[in-house]
Amino acid sequence: MRDSRPSASANPLGTAPVGSLLIQYAIPSIISTLIASLYNMVDQIFIGQRIGFLGNAATTVAYPLTFLCGALTILFSNGSSVNFNVSNGRGNKDEALGFAGAGITMLLAEGLFTAAIVLLFTGSFVRLFGATEQVFPYARTYMRLIAPGFPFLALTSGGTLLIRSDGSPRYALVCSLSGVALNFILDYLFLFPLNMGIAGAAIATVLGQVLSAVLVAAYLLQFHTGRLERRHFAVNSAKLQQIMSIGAAGSLNQAAMLVMNLVLNSSLSYYGSLSEYGGSEALAAAGVVTKVNFLFYSTIIGCSIGGQPIMGFNFGARNYERVKQTAYLIFRYAFVIGAIETACFWLFPHQILQLFGSSAGGYEAFAIRYMHEFMLLVVLAGVLPVSMNAMVSIKKPRNGIIISLSKQLVLIILLLILPRRLGIDGVLLAGPIADFLVAVAAFFVIRTAFLQLGREEM
């Protein structure tokens, strides 16, 4: 019987040098992931420069909302785009449009739902997310004003995935970049010439999201696959189940990150207030370092996502050595990026802090400790996304889910145990211990899986 798998010799994914292929596929992914981190970075820089560390602490308190909204957005965006691709590949364009339309409906519904919940219980969310008395008014104002942007954020996140699937990745990139650019411009205008305070930063963020969503909506009116009609936006139980079954893994990971951020913020606020640094100062410092870290980490994520088509194709073609070669090359890139980040934290801590406004007292002292101690083994952090995406590429999604949840679960456990005895030092110690344990476990999982390649039919 003839093997129906794609021939490695007929496709550059199976023959071209892995290094050049990885660069070709990784660059667009890196740009996309960097855009997400830039949204947070832009606000943090302008707020820090204009308002100071209390403003930075407020955005740190609001940061878990990203994961709250993201958990539901990924549930519907990933599920609808994957089902859209599968149906389109089978030649069933009407079914594909049905998944696209249902995905858009659910994205808008969850965005409106999340916005309504946050607006109704803003004060409760602010306290739950670890705000101190000093930070509370800033965080409440910021959270109330960014909540109305959730439907636009959800539409942009899910819509750009569908636009890429429809064959227009450049337009999808334009949608995202336009919002970031407008946010950057308005942040400056609202915070400096107009002196609108933290409210101005929140409004700038929402207006950037609105612009991106409008561009997405304009494209959806001229979908290349076919015209989206009213009936395509209907949602039934069968369609919803198919969408949610695909998006569940990514959504679960976002939910775990939400819980982890809640525990981390609460630990920083509580144990920071008992230390020489102060709770508000600890929150602000950790938030700034986290945003810088995500800039590097998103680059690693982009590399690992870019390697997925290469590993997936060669796995299907049974060219297992190229699968391993690709994964280990991404590991090396991740290690280099992590090493550069570590060097920046040790060589330029004051310069990094100055980007986010004036730094002094407990805020500066704790930020430097956070860079040097909590982020001590950040060079190993890349093992997690690389291993997770490799597992997905070789059809071991359960292993991928376990790896993706491991960091959050391990860190939560450590944050609940270590600070009880060590105070704020326990919070700082939890970071490198979690990075080490998770890196070792993830590398063991991927090593075992790679040793089995070729020994069993998958």
Protein backbone atom coordinates (compact mmCIF):
# COMPACT_ATOMS: atom_id res chain seq x y z
CA MET A 1 0.00 0.00 0.00
CA ARG A 2 1.37 3.38 -0.96
CA ASP A 3 2.43 5.69 1.90
CA SER A 4 0.25 8.80 1.78
CA ARG A 5 2.61 10.85 3.92
CA PRO A 6 4.24 13.89 2.25
CA SER A 7 7.60 13.16 0.68
CA ALA A 8 10.48 14.82 2.47
CA SER A 9 12.34 15.17 -0.83
CA ALA A 10 9.43 17.13 -2.38
CA ASN A 11 9.30 19.81 0.30
CA PRO A 12 12.05 22.14 1.56
CA LEU A 13 10.89 21.41 5.11
CA GLY A 14 12.42 17.99 4.64
CA THR A 15 15.56 18.95 2.71
CA ALA A 16 16.64 22.56 3.29
CA PRO A 17 19.22 23.32 6.00
CA VAL A 18 17.50 23.39 9.38
CA GLY A 19 19.25 26.60 10.45
CA SER A 20 18.03 28.70 7.52
CA LEU A 21 14.56 27.13 7.70
CA LEU A 22 14.25 27.96 11.38
CA ILE A 23 15.19 31.59 10.78
CA GLN A 24 12.67 31.82 7.93
CA TYR A 25 9.82 30.43 10.01
CA ALA A 26 10.78 31.91 13.37
CA ILE A 27 11.09 35.59 12.45
CA PRO A 28 7.34 36.18 11.77
CA SER A 29 6.49 34.28 14.97
CA ILE A 30 8.99 36.31 17.00
CA ILE A 31 7.54 39.57 15.66
CA SER A 32 4.02 38.45 16.60
CA THR A 33 4.97 37.46 20.14
CA LEU A 34 7.02 40.62 20.64
CA ILE A 35 3.97 42.73 19.78
CA ALA A 36 2.11 41.30 22.78
CA SER A 37 4.98 42.14 25.12
CA LEU A 38 5.33 45.64 23.64
CA TYR A 39 1.75 46.50 24.60
CA ASN A 40 2.64 45.96 28.26
CA MET A 41 6.10 47.51 27.97
CA VAL A 42 4.87 50.75 26.41
CA ASP A 43 2.36 51.40 29.20
CA GLN A 44 4.88 50.45 31.88
CA ILE A 45 7.58 52.81 30.56
CA PHE A 46 5.33 55.86 30.19
CA ILE A 47 3.54 55.26 33.48
CA GLY A 48 6.83 54.82 35.30
CA GLN A 49 8.30 57.98 33.81
CA ARG A 50 5.24 60.10 34.59
CA ILE A 51 3.68 58.60 37.73
CA GLY A 52 6.47 56.61 39.36
CA PHE A 53 6.61 53.25 41.10
CA LEU A 54 2.99 53.40 42.37
CA GLY A 55 1.81 53.55 38.76
CA ASN A 56 4.04 50.60 37.90
CA ALA A 57 2.63 48.70 40.87
CA ALA A 58 -0.92 49.40 39.62
CA THR A 59 -0.20 47.84 36.22
CA THR A 60 1.38 44.85 38.01
CA VAL A 61 -1.84 44.41 39.97
CA ALA A 62 -3.90 44.62 36.76
CA TYR A 63 -1.58 42.25 34.86
CA PRO A 64 -3.44 39.03 35.87
CA LEU A 65 -6.42 40.35 33.90
CA THR A 66 -4.34 39.57 30.82
CA PHE A 67 -4.49 35.89 31.72
CA LEU A 68 -8.15 36.04 32.76
CA CYS A 69 -9.13 37.43 29.38
CA GLY A 70 -6.49 35.32 27.63
CA ALA A 71 -7.76 32.02 29.03
CA LEU A 72 -11.18 32.51 27.43
CA THR A 73 -9.81 34.11 24.27
CA ILE A 74 -7.43 31.21 23.59
CA LEU A 75 -10.23 28.72 24.27
CA PHE A 76 -12.23 30.11 21.35
CA SER A 77 -9.54 31.57 19.07
CA ASN A 78 -7.28 28.50 18.88
CA GLY A 79 -10.25 26.15 18.60
CA SER A 80 -11.96 28.09 15.83
CA SER A 81 -8.79 28.67 13.78
CA VAL A 82 -7.66 25.01 13.93
CA ASN A 83 -11.13 23.76 12.95
CA PHE A 84 -11.24 26.39 10.22
CA ASN A 85 -7.95 25.06 8.82
CA VAL A 86 -9.04 21.42 8.98
CA SER A 87 -12.39 22.08 7.27
CA ASN A 88 -10.74 24.25 4.64
CA GLY A 89 -8.14 21.55 3.98
CA ARG A 90 -10.93 19.04 3.40
CA GLY A 91 -12.48 21.37 0.85
CA ASN A 92 -15.53 22.19 2.99
CA LYS A 93 -15.43 25.97 2.81
CA ASP A 94 -18.92 26.51 4.19
CA GLU A 95 -18.08 24.48 7.31
CA ALA A 96 -14.83 26.43 7.65
CA LEU A 97 -16.73 29.71 7.52
CA GLY A 98 -19.11 28.34 10.15
CA PHE A 99 -16.20 27.74 12.53
CA ALA A 100 -14.79 31.20 11.81
CA GLY A 101 -18.15 32.88 12.43
CA ALA A 102 -18.87 30.88 15.59
CA GLY A 103 -15.40 31.70 16.89
CA ILE A 104 -15.97 35.43 16.36
CA THR A 105 -19.34 35.23 18.11
CA MET A 106 -17.85 33.48 21.14
CA LEU A 107 -14.86 35.84 21.26
CA LEU A 108 -17.10 38.90 21.37
CA ALA A 109 -19.37 37.25 23.94
CA GLU A 110 -16.52 36.33 26.28
CA GLY A 111 -14.97 39.78 25.89
CA LEU A 112 -18.25 41.45 26.88
CA PHE A 113 -18.74 38.99 29.73
CA THR A 114 -15.23 39.52 31.13
CA ALA A 115 -15.56 43.30 30.84
CA ALA A 116 -18.90 43.27 32.66
CA ILE A 117 -17.58 41.08 35.49
CA VAL A 118 -14.50 43.27 35.99
CA LEU A 119 -16.55 46.49 35.93
CA LEU A 120 -19.07 45.10 38.45
CA PHE A 121 -16.43 43.83 40.87
CA THR A 122 -13.46 46.12 40.24
CA GLY A 123 -12.68 46.69 43.91
CA SER A 124 -12.78 42.97 44.67
CA PHE A 125 -10.46 42.19 41.76
CA VAL A 126 -8.00 44.87 42.83
CA ARG A 127 -7.79 43.43 46.35
CA LEU A 128 -7.67 39.85 45.06
CA PHE A 129 -4.75 40.74 42.78
CA GLY A 130 -2.65 41.96 45.73
CA ALA A 131 -2.98 45.77 45.77
CA THR A 132 -1.72 47.59 48.83
CA GLU A 133 -3.57 50.62 50.23
CA GLN A 134 -1.16 52.94 48.40
CA VAL A 135 -1.65 51.21 45.07
CA PHE A 136 -5.42 50.60 45.38
CA PRO A 137 -6.73 53.89 43.86
CA TYR A 138 -4.31 53.73 40.93
CA ALA A 139 -5.09 50.07 40.20
CA ARG A 140 -8.86 50.60 40.51
CA THR A 141 -8.81 53.51 38.04
CA TYR A 142 -6.61 51.62 35.59
CA MET A 143 -8.66 48.41 35.79
CA ARG A 144 -12.01 50.16 35.34
CA LEU A 145 -10.81 51.92 32.21
CA ILE A 146 -9.10 49.00 30.48
CA ALA A 147 -12.04 46.60 31.05
CA PRO A 148 -14.17 48.06 28.19
CA GLY A 149 -11.34 47.15 25.82
CA PHE A 150 -11.67 43.39 26.43
CA PRO A 151 -14.15 42.73 23.57
CA PHE A 152 -11.82 44.55 21.14
CA LEU A 153 -8.79 42.68 22.52
CA ALA A 154 -10.59 39.33 22.14
CA LEU A 155 -11.65 40.11 18.56
CA THR A 156 -8.11 41.15 17.63
CA SER A 157 -6.48 38.10 19.21
CA GLY A 158 -8.85 35.60 17.63
CA GLY A 159 -9.39 37.54 14.41
CA THR A 160 -5.70 37.78 13.56
CA LEU A 161 -5.39 33.99 13.88
CA LEU A 162 -8.24 33.55 11.41
CA ILE A 163 -6.73 36.16 9.09
CA ARG A 164 -3.44 34.21 9.06
CA SER A 165 -5.34 31.01 8.36
CA ASP A 166 -7.14 32.80 5.52
CA GLY A 167 -3.76 33.44 3.89
CA SER A 168 -3.03 37.04 4.95
CA PRO A 169 -0.32 36.95 7.63
CA ARG A 170 1.00 40.40 6.70
CA TYR A 171 -2.40 42.02 7.21
CA ALA A 172 -2.70 40.27 10.56
CA LEU A 173 0.65 41.77 11.54
CA VAL A 174 -0.51 45.23 10.42
CA CYS A 175 -3.61 44.90 12.62
CA SER A 176 -1.50 44.21 15.71
CA LEU A 177 1.27 46.73 14.98
CA SER A 178 -1.20 49.54 14.29
CA GLY A 179 -2.67 49.18 17.76
CA VAL A 180 0.76 49.19 19.40
CA ALA A 181 1.81 52.29 17.42
CA LEU A 182 -1.34 54.22 18.36
CA ASN A 183 -0.96 53.17 21.99
CA PHE A 184 2.61 54.48 21.98
CA ILE A 185 1.60 57.86 20.54
CA LEU A 186 -1.42 58.32 22.80
CA ASP A 187 0.50 57.24 25.90
CA TYR A 188 2.87 60.15 25.33
CA LEU A 189 0.09 62.66 24.56
CA PHE A 190 -2.19 61.65 27.42
CA LEU A 191 0.49 61.31 30.07
CA PHE A 192 2.72 64.27 29.27
CA PRO A 193 1.12 67.22 27.40
CA LEU A 194 -2.42 66.43 28.67
CA ASN A 195 -1.31 65.17 32.11
CA MET A 196 -4.17 62.65 32.38
CA GLY A 197 -2.32 60.35 34.79
CA ILE A 198 -2.85 56.61 34.88
CA ALA A 199 -6.31 57.08 33.37
CA GLY A 200 -4.63 58.40 30.23
CA ALA A 201 -2.47 55.27 29.94
CA ALA A 202 -5.54 53.02 30.25
CA ILE A 203 -7.51 55.01 27.65
CA ALA A 204 -4.53 54.90 25.27
CA THR A 205 -4.39 51.12 25.60
CA VAL A 206 -8.10 50.71 24.86
CA LEU A 207 -7.99 53.03 21.83
CA GLY A 208 -5.08 51.02 20.44
CA GLN A 209 -7.14 47.85 20.88
CA VAL A 210 -10.12 49.49 19.18
CA LEU A 211 -8.03 50.39 16.12
CA SER A 212 -6.71 46.84 15.80
CA ALA A 213 -10.23 45.40 16.17
CA VAL A 214 -11.63 47.75 13.50
CA LEU A 215 -8.94 46.61 11.06
CA VAL A 216 -9.74 42.98 11.85
CA ALA A 217 -13.46 43.57 11.33
CA ALA A 218 -12.79 45.30 8.00
CA TYR A 219 -10.90 42.22 6.78
CA LEU A 220 -13.58 39.79 7.96
CA LEU A 221 -16.07 41.59 5.72
CA GLN A 222 -13.91 40.54 2.75
CA PHE A 223 -12.81 37.07 3.87
CA HIS A 224 -10.85 35.33 1.10
CA THR A 225 -12.23 31.88 1.86
CA GLY A 226 -15.78 33.09 1.29
CA ARG A 227 -18.37 35.59 2.39
CA LEU A 228 -19.26 35.40 6.07
CA GLU A 229 -23.06 35.40 6.25
CA ARG A 230 -25.31 35.81 9.28
CA ARG A 231 -25.90 32.05 9.55
CA HIS A 232 -22.16 31.43 9.91
CA PHE A 233 -22.12 33.30 13.23
CA ALA A 234 -24.61 30.90 14.81
CA VAL A 235 -23.27 28.68 17.61
CA ASN A 236 -24.57 25.18 18.32
CA SER A 237 -23.46 22.63 20.90
CA ALA A 238 -21.63 20.38 18.42
CA LYS A 239 -19.64 23.26 16.96
CA LEU A 240 -18.87 24.70 20.39
CA GLN A 241 -17.63 21.32 21.63
CA GLN A 242 -15.25 20.97 18.69
CA ILE A 243 -13.90 24.48 19.24
CA MET A 244 -13.45 24.09 22.99
CA SER A 245 -11.79 20.65 22.76
CA ILE A 246 -8.97 22.14 20.66
CA GLY A 247 -8.55 25.34 22.68
CA ALA A 248 -8.73 23.72 26.12
CA ALA A 249 -4.99 23.03 26.53
CA GLY A 250 -3.89 26.62 25.88
CA SER A 251 -6.76 27.97 27.94
CA LEU A 252 -5.82 25.76 30.88
CA ASN A 253 -2.26 27.06 30.73
CA GLN A 254 -3.48 30.66 30.82
CA ALA A 255 -5.72 29.84 33.79
CA ALA A 256 -2.74 28.36 35.64
CA MET A 257 -0.73 31.51 34.87
CA LEU A 258 -3.58 33.59 36.29
CA VAL A 259 -3.49 31.66 39.57
CA MET A 260 0.31 31.82 39.67
CA ASN A 261 0.27 35.61 39.20
CA LEU A 262 -2.35 36.00 41.92
CA VAL A 263 -0.23 34.01 44.37
CA LEU A 264 2.95 35.86 43.36
CA ASN A 265 1.34 39.32 43.68
CA SER A 266 -0.16 38.46 47.05
CA SER A 267 3.19 37.11 48.28
CA LEU A 268 5.05 40.22 47.09
CA SER A 269 2.50 42.54 48.67
CA TYR A 270 2.26 40.71 52.01
CA TYR A 271 5.85 39.69 52.61
CA GLY A 272 7.18 42.86 50.99
CA SER A 273 5.25 44.95 53.53
CA LEU A 274 6.91 42.96 56.32
CA SER A 275 10.36 43.61 54.90
CA GLU A 276 12.59 46.67 54.59
CA TYR A 277 11.43 47.21 51.00
CA GLY A 278 7.66 47.75 51.33
CA GLY A 279 4.72 45.97 49.68
CA SER A 280 4.02 48.57 46.99
CA GLU A 281 7.71 48.81 46.15
CA ALA A 282 8.02 45.03 45.82
CA LEU A 283 4.97 44.85 43.53
CA ALA A 284 6.24 47.65 41.30
CA ALA A 285 9.77 46.25 41.07
CA ALA A 286 8.61 42.73 40.23
CA GLY A 287 6.22 44.08 37.60
CA VAL A 288 8.95 46.01 35.80
CA VAL A 289 11.36 43.05 35.79
CA THR A 290 8.58 40.72 34.60
CA LYS A 291 7.83 42.96 31.62
CA VAL A 292 11.52 43.02 30.65
CA ASN A 293 11.73 39.27 31.09
CA PHE A 294 8.70 38.73 28.86
CA LEU A 295 10.41 40.67 26.09
CA PHE A 296 13.17 38.04 26.02
CA TYR A 297 10.84 35.14 26.75
CA SER A 298 8.53 36.06 23.88
CA THR A 299 11.52 35.80 21.54
CA ILE A 300 12.11 32.24 22.75
CA ILE A 301 8.41 31.44 22.32
CA GLY A 302 8.57 32.82 18.77
CA CYS A 303 11.55 30.57 17.98
CA SER A 304 9.79 27.49 19.35
CA ILE A 305 6.56 28.24 17.47
CA GLY A 306 8.57 28.82 14.29
CA GLY A 307 10.12 25.37 14.65
CA GLN A 308 6.76 23.59 14.86
CA PRO A 309 6.13 23.25 11.09
CA ILE A 310 9.66 21.87 10.59
CA MET A 311 9.38 19.31 13.38
CA GLY A 312 5.79 18.40 12.46
CA PHE A 313 6.56 17.82 8.79
CA ASN A 314 9.65 15.72 9.46
CA PHE A 315 7.84 13.72 12.12
CA GLY A 316 5.16 12.91 9.56
CA ALA A 317 7.88 12.01 7.04
CA ARG A 318 9.60 9.79 9.66
CA ASN A 319 12.75 11.88 9.35
CA TYR A 320 13.29 11.81 13.09
CA GLU A 321 16.86 13.06 13.04
CA ARG A 322 15.70 16.38 11.56
CA VAL A 323 13.06 16.59 14.29
CA LYS A 324 15.75 16.23 16.95
CA GLN A 325 18.14 18.53 15.11
CA THR A 326 15.51 21.28 14.96
CA ALA A 327 14.57 20.95 18.63
CA TYR A 328 18.15 20.97 19.87
CA LEU A 329 18.95 24.00 17.69
CA ILE A 330 16.03 25.90 19.25
CA PHE A 331 17.31 24.84 22.68
CA ARG A 332 20.66 26.43 21.86
CA TYR A 333 19.01 29.64 20.67
CA ALA A 334 16.90 29.74 23.84
CA PHE A 335 20.00 29.29 25.99
CA VAL A 336 21.77 32.15 24.20
CA ILE A 337 18.76 34.47 24.58
CA GLY A 338 18.51 33.56 28.27
CA ALA A 339 22.24 34.20 28.73
CA ILE A 340 21.89 37.66 27.12
CA GLU A 341 18.98 38.46 29.44
CA THR A 342 20.98 37.35 32.48
CA ALA A 343 23.92 39.50 31.38
CA CYS A 344 21.62 42.53 31.01
CA PHE A 345 20.21 42.01 34.50
CA TRP A 346 23.68 41.82 36.04
CA LEU A 347 25.50 44.44 33.96
CA PHE A 348 22.78 47.08 33.42
CA PRO A 349 20.24 46.88 36.28
CA HIS A 350 20.19 50.64 36.93
CA GLN A 351 19.83 51.49 33.24
CA ILE A 352 16.92 49.07 32.91
CA LEU A 353 15.16 50.61 35.90
CA GLN A 354 15.68 54.14 34.58
CA LEU A 355 13.61 53.25 31.50
CA PHE A 356 10.63 52.87 33.80
CA GLY A 357 11.06 56.09 35.75
CA SER A 358 12.97 57.22 38.79
CA SER A 359 14.22 54.45 41.07
CA ALA A 360 15.20 54.87 44.67
CA GLY A 361 14.90 53.34 48.12
CA GLY A 362 13.16 50.03 48.58
CA TYR A 363 11.88 49.92 44.99
CA GLU A 364 15.34 50.03 43.43
CA ALA A 365 16.92 47.74 46.00
CA PHE A 366 14.24 45.07 45.59
CA ALA A 367 14.21 45.33 41.78
CA ILE A 368 17.94 44.58 41.67
CA ARG A 369 17.51 41.64 44.04
CA TYR A 370 14.62 40.38 41.91
CA MET A 371 16.80 40.51 38.78
CA HIS A 372 19.72 38.78 40.48
CA GLU A 373 17.87 36.23 42.62
CA PHE A 374 14.36 35.47 41.34
CA MET A 375 15.69 35.54 37.74
CA LEU A 376 18.98 33.82 38.60
CA LEU A 377 18.30 30.74 36.41
CA VAL A 378 16.27 32.46 33.71
CA VAL A 379 18.82 30.99 31.28
CA LEU A 380 16.97 27.68 31.76
CA ALA A 381 13.48 29.11 31.27
CA GLY A 382 13.54 28.45 27.51
CA VAL A 383 13.49 24.70 28.06
CA LEU A 384 9.78 24.94 28.93
CA PRO A 385 8.26 26.45 25.72
CA VAL A 386 10.70 24.57 23.45
CA SER A 387 9.85 21.22 25.04
CA MET A 388 6.12 21.97 25.03
CA ASN A 389 6.03 22.84 21.32
CA ALA A 390 8.24 19.87 20.44
CA MET A 391 5.80 17.52 22.19
CA VAL A 392 2.87 18.99 20.27
CA SER A 393 4.82 18.63 17.00
CA ILE A 394 5.41 14.89 17.53
CA LYS A 395 1.79 14.23 18.53
CA LYS A 396 2.28 13.94 22.27
CA PRO A 397 -0.17 16.68 23.37
CA ARG A 398 -0.61 15.27 26.87
CA ASN A 399 3.10 15.61 27.53
CA GLY A 400 2.89 19.15 26.15
CA ILE A 401 0.06 20.05 28.53
CA ILE A 402 1.94 18.59 31.53
CA ILE A 403 5.07 20.55 30.63
CA SER A 404 3.13 23.78 30.03
CA LEU A 405 1.45 23.59 33.45
CA SER A 406 4.50 22.46 35.40
CA LYS A 407 6.15 25.86 35.90
CA GLN A 408 3.03 27.50 37.27
CA LEU A 409 2.16 24.60 39.57
CA VAL A 410 5.69 24.23 40.95
CA LEU A 411 6.04 27.98 41.52
CA ILE A 412 2.65 28.18 43.26
CA ILE A 413 3.65 25.37 45.65
CA LEU A 414 7.00 27.00 46.42
CA LEU A 415 5.39 30.41 47.00
CA LEU A 416 2.96 28.86 49.46
CA ILE A 417 5.74 27.11 51.40
CA LEU A 418 9.05 29.01 51.34
CA PRO A 419 7.92 32.55 52.38
CA ARG A 420 6.24 31.15 55.52
CA ARG A 421 9.71 30.46 56.90
CA LEU A 422 11.93 32.83 54.95
CA GLY A 423 9.66 35.83 54.29
CA ILE A 424 10.49 37.88 51.21
CA ASP A 425 13.70 35.85 50.77
CA GLY A 426 11.49 32.80 50.24
CA VAL A 427 9.65 34.58 47.43
CA LEU A 428 12.95 35.38 45.71
CA LEU A 429 14.25 31.85 46.21
CA ALA A 430 11.14 30.28 44.65
CA GLY A 431 12.04 31.58 41.17
CA PRO A 432 15.36 29.81 40.54
CA ILE A 433 14.24 26.60 42.28
CA ALA A 434 11.17 26.41 40.02
CA ASP A 435 13.24 27.18 36.90
CA PHE A 436 15.73 24.43 37.76
CA LEU A 437 13.21 21.73 38.66
CA VAL A 438 10.98 22.39 35.66
CA ALA A 439 13.92 22.58 33.21
CA VAL A 440 15.31 19.25 34.40
CA ALA A 441 11.89 17.57 34.26
CA ALA A 442 11.02 19.02 30.84
CA PHE A 443 14.37 18.04 29.33
CA PHE A 444 13.95 14.51 30.73
CA VAL A 445 10.48 14.26 29.14
CA ILE A 446 11.64 15.43 25.73
CA ARG A 447 14.78 13.29 25.87
CA THR A 448 12.70 10.19 26.63
CA ALA A 449 10.24 11.02 23.84
CA PHE A 450 13.05 11.52 21.31
CA LEU A 451 14.65 8.19 22.26
CA GLN A 452 11.35 6.50 21.45
CA LEU A 453 11.13 8.04 17.97
CA GLY A 454 11.50 5.30 15.40
CA ARG A 455 10.98 2.57 17.98
CA GLU A 456 7.20 2.80 17.97
CA GLU A 457 4.55 3.79 15.47
CA MET A 458 2.79 7.01 16.52
